[in-house]
Structure formats: structure tokens, C-alpha cells
Amino acid sequence: MFKSGFITIVGRPNVGKSTFINNVLGQKIAITSPKPQTTRNNISGIYTGEDAQLIFIDTPGIHKPKHKLGEYMTREAINTLNSVDLVMFMVDATQKMGPGDKFIMNELKKSRAKVFLIINKLDLVEDYDKLKNNVGEYKAEYKFDQAFAISALNGDNIDLLLQDIKDVLEEGPKYYPDDQVTDHPEKFIISELIREKVLRLTKEEVPHGVMVLIDSMKPAEDNPNLMEISASIIVERTSQKGIIIGKGGKMIKEIGTQARKDILHLIGTKVFLDLYCRVEKNWRNKEFHLRNFGYQDDR
């Protein structure tokens, strides 16, 4: 019997949702960084085995919005709860339950899907008695169908979790071809890989007011084995542009060098990556720019 289903992963920012997706698929489709709210869109990761196809939805971290983009991100995550077969509520094993977790669990009570509590970052736990108490608090707040402790980074217990997910899913069709690992277009993944390098390399200097747009992507006229990609890094302030470019263009060159390696792995051909940086003031609070950058409001 072949099983299939849609599984959404929800939780506060930075609990490891994207790391889990990348570990399960064995390749990077969702970007990660030490900064919270790295994921902005609901990214589907498709895991296909001999007996099942699991479509994981990596959602933005649910948080109190500070701008229109934040409102969009939180709404995107919550909306998945009513359209999936299973919800994975992921929490950080090193953190106590907070108001954000309670907010999410209140939303879970409106969903008819089964809910697994996923305690991630097991590799960082030092006090297991404290962890047991924390898990008890979650279970007192919500009646979960099952609870798991995992390390998305190291892969601990993920095989067991995948098997238990298969066990609760119904018989279903294969929605995607065996070799497809995401439903997002290649250009989107490439733009996210570039954005990841910006977040990682600039650390606290450039906040999340950064967006990457692929302006053009085509094989080189004189070399079909070389992909020419032109992309724009959008920031909100002139000072941020200066940080992105760096002294003598050093930073933007390093962003391109690191991003090129991941893009090469993704598309399997040599890459010429041309990066620009431009300022769109306060774009996260302007409906026009949000729509233009692909954040549609479907309310």
C-alpha cells in the first residue's frame, strides 16, 4: 500500500524547521541562518520513498508582526493548518514554552489534522530533567497525538519520525515525480540561496529588510554549459547598501562566491553570477513592493 500526505511544520522562529527539511531531503531547498524569520514563504519539500510520498511544508516562524511582511508571513503559516493531513509543531529543546508557543497551540485547536510535538535541537540538551519538565508543560497545554525528540542538524531520530508519520497517513497517490524535491521554481531557490549568504555574511549589520530578485537567467550564448544569472539585492536603507557592497566591493564579491557554489550544486552547470544592490525604502511596509516581490495577499 502506497501512502501520501501533506505535513506542515509550524513553530516559533529559529526552531529548526528549514534544517529539518534539508536533512530529510539530503539537499538544501530551504535557507537557514542564525537570524530569526529567515523563511518567508511556505516552501514544500517532497520526500519520496518506496512506500510513501511525504510533502513537507516549511512555514515562516510564527511571531508578533512588526510590519506588513511579518503579517503576511504569520498568516501564511497559520493558513496551512487547515489544509494538511498532519501538523508538526516544532519547539526548541533548549527553550522554555513561551507566549508564542501558546498562541500556536491555540491555533492548533482549530485544526482537524493530527498534531505531533517535535522537540528539536536534542544535540544541545544538557539537563534532561529540565527537558522532561518542559515537554510536560506542552502536553498539559495541548493533547498531542505523539511527541518526538530529534536533532534536525545531526539527524538523530529522524528515521523513526518519518516511519511514524507514514504510519498515521492514509493510502494516497504519488503527487510528484520521484526526482522532484520541491514545488518551487529554480529561480526562487536561487534567489533564496543568495539571500542566505547575505544574512550569514553580514550577520547583525543587515537585518531582514533584504530581498533578492533574479533579473535574468539564461545559458551563455557562446557556452551552453555556462548559466548566466543576474540578480538584484534589495535593501531598505542606503547604509545597508554600503554594507552589502563592502569596501572595494569585497562583501558583494564574497556573497557571490559563496552563493555560486550552492547554485552550481543545485543546477549542475557552471555559473556566472552578476550581483547588484539597490535601495527600496521601507519596502516591507508597502503593498506595491510586497506584491511586486511575490508576497501576494489573498485574504
C-alpha atoms as a PDB file:
ATOM      1  CA  MET A   1       0.000   0.000   0.000  1.00  0.00           C
ATOM      2  CA  PHE A   2       1.402   3.407  -1.023  1.00  0.00           C
ATOM      3  CA  LYS A   3       0.759   6.319   1.332  1.00  0.00           C
ATOM      4  CA  SER A   4       0.998  10.055   0.803  1.00  0.00           C
ATOM      5  CA  GLY A   5       0.143  13.232   2.626  1.00  0.00           C
ATOM      6  CA  PHE A   6       0.857  16.881   3.307  1.00  0.00           C
ATOM      7  CA  ILE A   7       2.648  17.781   6.519  1.00  0.00           C
ATOM      8  CA  THR A   8       3.076  21.355   7.698  1.00  0.00           C
ATOM      9  CA  ILE A   9       5.863  22.315  10.100  1.00  0.00           C
ATOM     10  CA  VAL A  10       4.973  25.224  12.383  1.00  0.00           C
ATOM     11  CA  GLY A  11       6.731  26.836  15.293  1.00  0.00           C
ATOM     12  CA  ARG A  12       8.372  29.975  16.567  1.00  0.00           C
ATOM     13  CA  PRO A  13      11.252  31.482  14.554  1.00  0.00           C
ATOM     14  CA  ASN A  14      14.601  29.684  14.622  1.00  0.00           C
ATOM     15  CA  VAL A  15      13.434  26.314  15.990  1.00  0.00           C
ATOM     16  CA  GLY A  16      14.994  24.417  13.055  1.00  0.00           C
ATOM     17  CA  LYS A  17      12.157  23.851  10.585  1.00  0.00           C
ATOM     18  CA  SER A  18      14.278  24.544   7.490  1.00  0.00           C
ATOM     19  CA  THR A  19      17.169  22.470   8.829  1.00  0.00           C
ATOM     20  CA  PHE A  20      14.777  19.534   9.251  1.00  0.00           C
ATOM     21  CA  ILE A  21      13.515  19.824   5.665  1.00  0.00           C
ATOM     22  CA  ASN A  22      17.049  19.970   4.256  1.00  0.00           C
ATOM     23  CA  ASN A  23      18.127  16.962   6.337  1.00  0.00           C
ATOM     24  CA  VAL A  24      15.206  14.814   5.205  1.00  0.00           C
ATOM     25  CA  LEU A  25      15.761  15.657   1.538  1.00  0.00           C
ATOM     26  CA  GLY A  26      19.542  15.388   1.715  1.00  0.00           C
ATOM     27  CA  GLN A  27      19.950  18.738  -0.042  1.00  0.00           C
ATOM     28  CA  LYS A  28      19.313  22.419   0.534  1.00  0.00           C
ATOM     29  CA  ILE A  29      15.981  23.807  -0.662  1.00  0.00           C
ATOM     30  CA  ALA A  30      15.219  25.971   2.373  1.00  0.00           C
ATOM     31  CA  ILE A  31      17.732  28.543   3.555  1.00  0.00           C
ATOM     32  CA  THR A  32      18.955  28.726   7.120  1.00  0.00           C
ATOM     33  CA  SER A  33      20.696  31.383   9.177  1.00  0.00           C
ATOM     34  CA  PRO A  34      21.200  32.248  12.852  1.00  0.00           C
ATOM     35  CA  LYS A  35      18.730  35.102  12.388  1.00  0.00           C
ATOM     36  CA  PRO A  36      15.042  34.515  13.201  1.00  0.00           C
ATOM     37  CA  GLN A  37      12.342  34.665  10.499  1.00  0.00           C
ATOM     38  CA  THR A  38      14.698  33.567   7.741  1.00  0.00           C
ATOM     39  CA  THR A  39      11.962  31.650   5.898  1.00  0.00           C
ATOM     40  CA  ARG A  40       9.396  33.973   4.312  1.00  0.00           C
ATOM     41  CA  ASN A  41       7.359  31.662   2.090  1.00  0.00           C
ATOM     42  CA  ASN A  42       5.737  28.275   2.556  1.00  0.00           C
ATOM     43  CA  ILE A  43       8.309  26.035   0.874  1.00  0.00           C
ATOM     44  CA  SER A  44       7.322  22.455   0.062  1.00  0.00           C
ATOM     45  CA  GLY A  45       9.940  19.731   0.356  1.00  0.00           C
ATOM     46  CA  ILE A  46       8.997  16.447  -1.289  1.00  0.00           C
ATOM     47  CA  TYR A  47      10.310  13.193   0.209  1.00  0.00           C
ATOM     48  CA  THR A  48       9.596  10.111  -1.916  1.00  0.00           C
ATOM     49  CA  GLY A  49      10.325   6.584  -0.732  1.00  0.00           C
ATOM     50  CA  GLU A  50       9.312   3.137  -1.954  1.00  0.00           C
ATOM     51  CA  ASP A  51       6.126   3.092   0.096  1.00  0.00           C
ATOM     52  CA  ALA A  52       5.234   6.760   0.597  1.00  0.00           C
ATOM     53  CA  GLN A  53       5.485  10.345  -0.562  1.00  0.00           C
ATOM     54  CA  LEU A  54       5.601  12.987   2.168  1.00  0.00           C
ATOM     55  CA  ILE A  55       5.132  16.622   1.181  1.00  0.00           C
ATOM     56  CA  PHE A  56       6.555  18.806   3.952  1.00  0.00           C
ATOM     57  CA  ILE A  57       5.597  22.485   4.137  1.00  0.00           C
ATOM     58  CA  ASP A  58       8.275  24.640   5.745  1.00  0.00           C
ATOM     59  CA  THR A  59       6.455  27.720   7.049  1.00  0.00           C
ATOM     60  CA  PRO A  60       7.738  31.095   8.261  1.00  0.00           C
ATOM     61  CA  GLY A  61       8.271  31.261  12.013  1.00  0.00           C
ATOM     62  CA  ILE A  62       5.077  32.435  13.704  1.00  0.00           C
ATOM     63  CA  HIS A  63       5.764  35.688  15.546  1.00  0.00           C
ATOM     64  CA  LYS A  64       4.173  39.007  16.510  1.00  0.00           C
ATOM     65  CA  PRO A  65       4.342  41.021  13.253  1.00  0.00           C
ATOM     66  CA  LYS A  66       6.159  44.365  13.194  1.00  0.00           C
ATOM     67  CA  HIS A  67       5.409  45.196   9.547  1.00  0.00           C
ATOM     68  CA  LYS A  68       3.174  44.107   6.646  1.00  0.00           C
ATOM     69  CA  LEU A  69       5.684  41.461   5.544  1.00  0.00           C
ATOM     70  CA  GLY A  70       5.554  39.983   9.060  1.00  0.00           C
ATOM     71  CA  GLU A  71       1.752  39.921   8.912  1.00  0.00           C
ATOM     72  CA  TYR A  72       1.937  38.065   5.600  1.00  0.00           C
ATOM     73  CA  MET A  73       4.448  35.539   6.963  1.00  0.00           C
ATOM     74  CA  THR A  74       2.421  34.725  10.070  1.00  0.00           C
ATOM     75  CA  ARG A  75      -0.819  34.424   8.090  1.00  0.00           C
ATOM     76  CA  GLU A  76       0.893  32.111   5.569  1.00  0.00           C
ATOM     77  CA  ALA A  77       1.967  29.744   8.339  1.00  0.00           C
ATOM     78  CA  ILE A  78      -1.397  29.667  10.133  1.00  0.00           C
ATOM     79  CA  ASN A  79      -3.347  29.124   6.898  1.00  0.00           C
ATOM     80  CA  THR A  80      -1.580  25.792   6.310  1.00  0.00           C
ATOM     81  CA  LEU A  81      -3.154  24.267   9.428  1.00  0.00           C
ATOM     82  CA  ASN A  82      -6.491  23.709   7.709  1.00  0.00           C
ATOM     83  CA  SER A  83      -5.195  22.133   4.503  1.00  0.00           C
ATOM     84  CA  VAL A  84      -2.852  19.337   5.618  1.00  0.00           C
ATOM     85  CA  ASP A  85      -3.009  15.763   6.871  1.00  0.00           C
ATOM     86  CA  LEU A  86      -0.545  16.248   9.720  1.00  0.00           C
ATOM     87  CA  VAL A  87       0.929  19.155  11.681  1.00  0.00           C
ATOM     88  CA  MET A  88       4.445  19.040  13.132  1.00  0.00           C
ATOM     89  CA  PHE A  89       4.631  21.598  15.950  1.00  0.00           C
ATOM     90  CA  MET A  90       8.368  22.128  16.375  1.00  0.00           C
ATOM     91  CA  VAL A  91       9.894  23.634  19.501  1.00  0.00           C
ATOM     92  CA  ASP A  92      13.445  24.301  20.694  1.00  0.00           C
ATOM     93  CA  ALA A  93      14.537  21.756  23.318  1.00  0.00           C
ATOM     94  CA  THR A  94      16.730  24.385  24.981  1.00  0.00           C
ATOM     95  CA  GLN A  95      13.950  26.955  25.421  1.00  0.00           C
ATOM     96  CA  LYS A  96      11.010  27.097  27.832  1.00  0.00           C
ATOM     97  CA  MET A  97       7.475  27.324  26.499  1.00  0.00           C
ATOM     98  CA  GLY A  98       6.597  30.964  25.795  1.00  0.00           C
ATOM     99  CA  PRO A  99       3.594  33.083  24.768  1.00  0.00           C
ATOM    100  CA  GLY A 100       4.361  32.421  21.086  1.00  0.00           C
ATOM    101  CA  ASP A 101       4.065  28.667  21.651  1.00  0.00           C
ATOM    102  CA  LYS A 102       0.746  29.105  23.460  1.00  0.00           C
ATOM    103  CA  PHE A 103      -0.542  31.239  20.587  1.00  0.00           C
ATOM    104  CA  ILE A 104       0.343  28.487  18.112  1.00  0.00           C
ATOM    105  CA  MET A 105      -1.287  25.787  20.232  1.00  0.00           C
ATOM    106  CA  ASN A 106      -4.494  27.843  20.396  1.00  0.00           C
ATOM    107  CA  GLU A 107      -4.449  27.930  16.594  1.00  0.00           C
ATOM    108  CA  LEU A 108      -3.833  24.162  16.508  1.00  0.00           C
ATOM    109  CA  LYS A 109      -7.085  23.619  18.387  1.00  0.00           C
ATOM    110  CA  LYS A 110      -8.920  24.895  15.293  1.00  0.00           C
ATOM    111  CA  SER A 111      -7.291  22.296  13.026  1.00  0.00           C
ATOM    112  CA  ARG A 112      -8.698  18.825  12.389  1.00  0.00           C
ATOM    113  CA  ALA A 113      -5.304  17.379  11.449  1.00  0.00           C
ATOM    114  CA  LYS A 114      -3.254  15.117  13.696  1.00  0.00           C
ATOM    115  CA  VAL A 115      -0.537  17.008  15.582  1.00  0.00           C
ATOM    116  CA  PHE A 116       2.944  15.772  16.505  1.00  0.00           C
ATOM    117  CA  LEU A 117       5.034  17.657  19.062  1.00  0.00           C
ATOM    118  CA  ILE A 118       8.615  17.789  17.750  1.00  0.00           C
ATOM    119  CA  ILE A 119      11.272  18.731  20.303  1.00  0.00           C
ATOM    120  CA  ASN A 120      14.244  19.755  18.162  1.00  0.00           C
ATOM    121  CA  LYS A 121      17.899  20.536  18.991  1.00  0.00           C
ATOM    122  CA  LEU A 122      18.308  17.440  21.165  1.00  0.00           C
ATOM    123  CA  ASP A 123      22.059  17.686  20.481  1.00  0.00           C
ATOM    124  CA  LEU A 124      22.199  20.870  22.588  1.00  0.00           C
ATOM    125  CA  VAL A 125      20.400  19.489  25.657  1.00  0.00           C
ATOM    126  CA  GLU A 126      22.477  19.193  28.839  1.00  0.00           C
ATOM    127  CA  ASP A 127      19.771  18.915  31.514  1.00  0.00           C
ATOM    128  CA  TYR A 128      17.339  16.123  30.592  1.00  0.00           C
ATOM    129  CA  ASP A 129      15.223  16.554  33.730  1.00  0.00           C
ATOM    130  CA  LYS A 130      14.607  20.154  32.719  1.00  0.00           C
ATOM    131  CA  LEU A 131      13.718  18.996  29.197  1.00  0.00           C
ATOM    132  CA  LYS A 132      11.234  16.472  30.614  1.00  0.00           C
ATOM    133  CA  ASN A 133       9.555  19.230  32.638  1.00  0.00           C
ATOM    134  CA  ASN A 134       9.370  21.494  29.580  1.00  0.00           C
ATOM    135  CA  VAL A 135       7.767  18.732  27.497  1.00  0.00           C
ATOM    136  CA  GLY A 136       5.274  18.163  30.310  1.00  0.00           C
ATOM    137  CA  GLU A 137       4.217  21.803  30.082  1.00  0.00           C
ATOM    138  CA  TYR A 138       3.489  21.448  26.367  1.00  0.00           C
ATOM    139  CA  LYS A 139       1.498  18.260  26.912  1.00  0.00           C
ATOM    140  CA  ALA A 140      -0.538  19.942  29.658  1.00  0.00           C
ATOM    141  CA  GLU A 141      -1.445  22.732  27.232  1.00  0.00           C
ATOM    142  CA  TYR A 142      -2.406  20.565  24.235  1.00  0.00           C
ATOM    143  CA  LYS A 143      -3.272  16.900  23.644  1.00  0.00           C
ATOM    144  CA  PHE A 144      -0.719  15.838  21.023  1.00  0.00           C
ATOM    145  CA  ASP A 145      -1.103  12.635  19.031  1.00  0.00           C
ATOM    146  CA  GLN A 146       2.597  11.857  19.510  1.00  0.00           C
ATOM    147  CA  ALA A 147       5.793  13.533  20.757  1.00  0.00           C
ATOM    148  CA  PHE A 148       9.356  13.142  19.453  1.00  0.00           C
ATOM    149  CA  ALA A 149      12.771  14.443  20.421  1.00  0.00           C
ATOM    150  CA  ILE A 150      15.087  14.912  17.427  1.00  0.00           C
ATOM    151  CA  SER A 151      18.172  16.691  16.198  1.00  0.00           C
ATOM    152  CA  ALA A 152      17.457  18.107  12.751  1.00  0.00           C
ATOM    153  CA  LEU A 153      21.102  19.122  12.499  1.00  0.00           C
ATOM    154  CA  ASN A 154      22.581  15.693  13.241  1.00  0.00           C
ATOM    155  CA  GLY A 155      19.672  13.576  12.018  1.00  0.00           C
ATOM    156  CA  ASP A 156      19.022  11.917  15.382  1.00  0.00           C
ATOM    157  CA  ASN A 157      15.678  10.007  15.441  1.00  0.00           C
ATOM    158  CA  ILE A 158      14.538  11.426  12.087  1.00  0.00           C
ATOM    159  CA  ASP A 159      14.209   7.952  10.516  1.00  0.00           C
ATOM    160  CA  LEU A 160      11.941   6.888  13.372  1.00  0.00           C
ATOM    161  CA  LEU A 161       9.885  10.064  12.997  1.00  0.00           C
ATOM    162  CA  LEU A 162       9.450   9.511   9.248  1.00  0.00           C
ATOM    163  CA  GLN A 163       8.212   5.974   9.892  1.00  0.00           C
ATOM    164  CA  ASP A 164       5.657   7.170  12.443  1.00  0.00           C
ATOM    165  CA  ILE A 165       4.472   9.843  10.013  1.00  0.00           C
ATOM    166  CA  LYS A 166       3.918   7.155   7.374  1.00  0.00           C
ATOM    167  CA  ASP A 167       2.000   5.047   9.910  1.00  0.00           C
ATOM    168  CA  VAL A 168      -0.613   7.759  10.542  1.00  0.00           C
ATOM    169  CA  LEU A 169      -1.113   8.759   6.892  1.00  0.00           C
ATOM    170  CA  GLU A 170      -3.835   7.304   4.685  1.00  0.00           C
ATOM    171  CA  GLU A 171      -3.330   5.474   1.413  1.00  0.00           C
ATOM    172  CA  GLY A 172      -2.818   8.025  -1.346  1.00  0.00           C
ATOM    173  CA  PRO A 173      -1.379   8.804  -4.780  1.00  0.00           C
ATOM    174  CA  LYS A 174       2.088   9.931  -5.782  1.00  0.00           C
ATOM    175  CA  TYR A 175       1.579  13.652  -6.339  1.00  0.00           C
ATOM    176  CA  TYR A 176       5.045  14.413  -7.738  1.00  0.00           C
ATOM    177  CA  PRO A 177       7.685  12.570  -9.826  1.00  0.00           C
ATOM    178  CA  ASP A 178      10.289  10.576  -7.889  1.00  0.00           C
ATOM    179  CA  ASP A 179      13.111  13.028  -8.639  1.00  0.00           C
ATOM    180  CA  GLN A 180      11.241  16.232  -7.677  1.00  0.00           C
ATOM    181  CA  VAL A 181      12.229  17.594  -4.262  1.00  0.00           C
ATOM    182  CA  THR A 182      10.358  20.919  -4.188  1.00  0.00           C
ATOM    183  CA  ASP A 183       7.417  22.631  -5.858  1.00  0.00           C
ATOM    184  CA  HIS A 184       9.190  25.977  -6.033  1.00  0.00           C
ATOM    185  CA  PRO A 185      10.741  27.094  -9.332  1.00  0.00           C
ATOM    186  CA  GLU A 186      14.506  27.063  -9.730  1.00  0.00           C
ATOM    187  CA  LYS A 187      14.723  30.866  -9.810  1.00  0.00           C
ATOM    188  CA  PHE A 188      13.079  31.093  -6.394  1.00  0.00           C
ATOM    189  CA  ILE A 189      15.539  28.650  -4.816  1.00  0.00           C
ATOM    190  CA  ILE A 190      18.480  30.520  -6.382  1.00  0.00           C
ATOM    191  CA  SER A 191      17.246  33.861  -5.038  1.00  0.00           C
ATOM    192  CA  GLU A 192      16.900  32.292  -1.580  1.00  0.00           C
ATOM    193  CA  LEU A 193      20.431  30.861  -1.717  1.00  0.00           C
ATOM    194  CA  ILE A 194      21.794  34.332  -2.452  1.00  0.00           C
ATOM    195  CA  ARG A 195      19.710  35.850   0.357  1.00  0.00           C
ATOM    196  CA  GLU A 196      21.057  33.231   2.760  1.00  0.00           C
ATOM    197  CA  LYS A 197      24.631  34.310   2.025  1.00  0.00           C
ATOM    198  CA  VAL A 198      23.690  37.955   2.642  1.00  0.00           C
ATOM    199  CA  LEU A 199      22.211  37.065   6.047  1.00  0.00           C
ATOM    200  CA  ARG A 200      25.124  34.846   7.044  1.00  0.00           C
ATOM    201  CA  LEU A 201      27.938  37.139   5.916  1.00  0.00           C
ATOM    202  CA  THR A 202      26.528  40.448   7.163  1.00  0.00           C
ATOM    203  CA  LYS A 203      25.341  38.944  10.476  1.00  0.00           C
ATOM    204  CA  GLU A 204      23.723  41.688  12.608  1.00  0.00           C
ATOM    205  CA  GLU A 205      24.725  44.533  10.293  1.00  0.00           C
ATOM    206  CA  VAL A 206      21.903  43.964   7.811  1.00  0.00           C
ATOM    207  CA  PRO A 207      18.535  42.965   9.303  1.00  0.00           C
ATOM    208  CA  HIS A 208      15.807  41.105   7.487  1.00  0.00           C
ATOM    209  CA  GLY A 209      14.979  44.088   5.279  1.00  0.00           C
ATOM    210  CA  VAL A 210      16.698  42.347   2.381  1.00  0.00           C
ATOM    211  CA  MET A 211      15.225  40.722  -0.715  1.00  0.00           C
ATOM    212  CA  VAL A 212      16.810  39.107  -3.761  1.00  0.00           C
ATOM    213  CA  LEU A 213      15.285  39.222  -7.241  1.00  0.00           C
ATOM    214  CA  ILE A 214      16.547  37.238 -10.240  1.00  0.00           C
ATOM    215  CA  ASP A 215      16.632  39.769 -13.090  1.00  0.00           C
ATOM    216  CA  SER A 216      17.722  37.303 -15.782  1.00  0.00           C
ATOM    217  CA  MET A 217      18.851  33.693 -16.060  1.00  0.00           C
ATOM    218  CA  LYS A 218      19.942  32.146 -19.351  1.00  0.00           C
ATOM    219  CA  PRO A 219      22.696  29.951 -20.861  1.00  0.00           C
ATOM    220  CA  ALA A 220      25.683  31.887 -22.242  1.00  0.00           C
ATOM    221  CA  GLU A 221      25.466  32.443 -25.988  1.00  0.00           C
ATOM    222  CA  ASP A 222      28.974  31.067 -26.606  1.00  0.00           C
ATOM    223  CA  ASN A 223      28.825  28.313 -23.951  1.00  0.00           C
ATOM    224  CA  PRO A 224      25.594  26.342 -23.315  1.00  0.00           C
ATOM    225  CA  ASN A 225      27.231  24.736 -20.259  1.00  0.00           C
ATOM    226  CA  LEU A 226      27.538  28.112 -18.523  1.00  0.00           C
ATOM    227  CA  MET A 227      24.485  29.694 -16.869  1.00  0.00           C
ATOM    228  CA  GLU A 228      24.498  33.485 -16.708  1.00  0.00           C
ATOM    229  CA  ILE A 229      22.497  34.837 -13.784  1.00  0.00           C
ATOM    230  CA  SER A 230      21.900  38.495 -12.958  1.00  0.00           C
ATOM    231  CA  ALA A 231      20.330  39.271  -9.561  1.00  0.00           C
ATOM    232  CA  SER A 232      19.444  42.345  -7.509  1.00  0.00           C
ATOM    233  CA  ILE A 233      19.833  42.529  -3.740  1.00  0.00           C
ATOM    234  CA  ILE A 234      17.144  44.888  -2.407  1.00  0.00           C
ATOM    235  CA  VAL A 235      17.679  46.714   0.891  1.00  0.00           C
ATOM    236  CA  GLU A 236      15.718  49.401   2.744  1.00  0.00           C
ATOM    237  CA  ARG A 237      18.455  51.924   3.560  1.00  0.00           C
ATOM    238  CA  THR A 238      21.495  53.421   1.837  1.00  0.00           C
ATOM    239  CA  SER A 239      23.658  52.433   4.814  1.00  0.00           C
ATOM    240  CA  GLN A 240      22.682  48.784   4.246  1.00  0.00           C
ATOM    241  CA  LYS A 241      23.687  49.063   0.604  1.00  0.00           C
ATOM    242  CA  GLY A 242      27.140  50.172   1.693  1.00  0.00           C
ATOM    243  CA  ILE A 243      27.462  47.124   3.954  1.00  0.00           C
ATOM    244  CA  ILE A 244      26.303  44.744   1.195  1.00  0.00           C
ATOM    245  CA  ILE A 245      28.817  46.133  -1.300  1.00  0.00           C
ATOM    246  CA  GLY A 246      31.633  46.391   1.251  1.00  0.00           C
ATOM    247  CA  LYS A 247      34.971  48.170   0.963  1.00  0.00           C
ATOM    248  CA  GLY A 248      36.119  47.976  -2.640  1.00  0.00           C
ATOM    249  CA  GLY A 249      33.209  45.625  -3.425  1.00  0.00           C
ATOM    250  CA  LYS A 250      34.693  42.923  -1.186  1.00  0.00           C
ATOM    251  CA  MET A 251      31.448  41.880   0.554  1.00  0.00           C
ATOM    252  CA  ILE A 252      29.236  41.573  -2.543  1.00  0.00           C
ATOM    253  CA  LYS A 253      32.020  39.598  -4.230  1.00  0.00           C
ATOM    254  CA  GLU A 254      32.156  37.155  -1.289  1.00  0.00           C
ATOM    255  CA  ILE A 255      28.337  36.839  -1.313  1.00  0.00           C
ATOM    256  CA  GLY A 256      28.544  35.910  -4.992  1.00  0.00           C
ATOM    257  CA  THR A 257      31.398  33.443  -4.468  1.00  0.00           C
ATOM    258  CA  GLN A 258      29.582  31.529  -1.716  1.00  0.00           C
ATOM    259  CA  ALA A 259      26.196  31.616  -3.457  1.00  0.00           C
ATOM    260  CA  ARG A 260      27.721  30.374  -6.714  1.00  0.00           C
ATOM    261  CA  LYS A 261      28.853  27.153  -5.018  1.00  0.00           C
ATOM    262  CA  ASP A 262      25.311  26.299  -3.845  1.00  0.00           C
ATOM    263  CA  ILE A 263      23.781  27.279  -7.202  1.00  0.00           C
ATOM    264  CA  LEU A 264      26.278  25.054  -9.016  1.00  0.00           C
ATOM    265  CA  HIS A 265      25.236  22.150  -6.781  1.00  0.00           C
ATOM    266  CA  LEU A 266      21.559  22.925  -7.455  1.00  0.00           C
ATOM    267  CA  ILE A 267      21.579  23.232 -11.250  1.00  0.00           C
ATOM    268  CA  GLY A 268      24.618  21.113 -12.107  1.00  0.00           C
ATOM    269  CA  THR A 269      26.283  23.565 -14.512  1.00  0.00           C
ATOM    270  CA  LYS A 270      28.909  26.302 -14.222  1.00  0.00           C
ATOM    271  CA  VAL A 271      27.534  29.650 -13.124  1.00  0.00           C
ATOM    272  CA  PHE A 272      28.399  33.268 -13.880  1.00  0.00           C
ATOM    273  CA  LEU A 273      26.658  35.303 -11.171  1.00  0.00           C
ATOM    274  CA  ASP A 274      26.357  39.079 -11.515  1.00  0.00           C
ATOM    275  CA  LEU A 275      25.053  40.809  -8.367  1.00  0.00           C
ATOM    276  CA  TYR A 276      23.747  44.358  -7.935  1.00  0.00           C
ATOM    277  CA  CYS A 277      22.416  46.147  -4.863  1.00  0.00           C
ATOM    278  CA  ARG A 278      19.694  48.787  -4.811  1.00  0.00           C
ATOM    279  CA  VAL A 279      17.586  50.616  -2.213  1.00  0.00           C
ATOM    280  CA  GLU A 280      13.770  50.453  -1.949  1.00  0.00           C
ATOM    281  CA  LYS A 281      12.967  52.407   1.214  1.00  0.00           C
ATOM    282  CA  ASN A 282      10.631  50.688   3.705  1.00  0.00           C
ATOM    283  CA  TRP A 283       9.583  48.033   1.147  1.00  0.00           C
ATOM    284  CA  ARG A 284       8.352  45.626   3.854  1.00  0.00           C
ATOM    285  CA  ASN A 285       5.503  48.007   4.714  1.00  0.00           C
ATOM    286  CA  LYS A 286       4.409  48.898   1.173  1.00  0.00           C
ATOM    287  CA  GLU A 287       1.722  46.807  -0.533  1.00  0.00           C
ATOM    288  CA  PHE A 288       3.062  47.612  -4.014  1.00  0.00           C
ATOM    289  CA  HIS A 289       6.552  46.314  -3.266  1.00  0.00           C
ATOM    290  CA  LEU A 290       5.246  43.240  -1.409  1.00  0.00           C
ATOM    291  CA  ARG A 291       3.148  42.274  -4.435  1.00  0.00           C
ATOM    292  CA  ASN A 292       5.995  43.085  -6.806  1.00  0.00           C
ATOM    293  CA  PHE A 293       8.360  40.857  -4.816  1.00  0.00           C
ATOM    294  CA  GLY A 294       5.907  37.953  -4.829  1.00  0.00           C
ATOM    295  CA  TYR A 295       4.211  38.317  -1.444  1.00  0.00           C
ATOM    296  CA  GLN A 296       0.576  38.162  -2.521  1.00  0.00           C
ATOM    297  CA  ASP A 297      -2.167  38.979  -0.046  1.00  0.00           C
ATOM    298  CA  ASP A 298      -5.007  36.535  -0.792  1.00  0.00           C
ATOM    299  CA  ARG A 299      -7.328  37.468   2.009  1.00  0.00           C
END
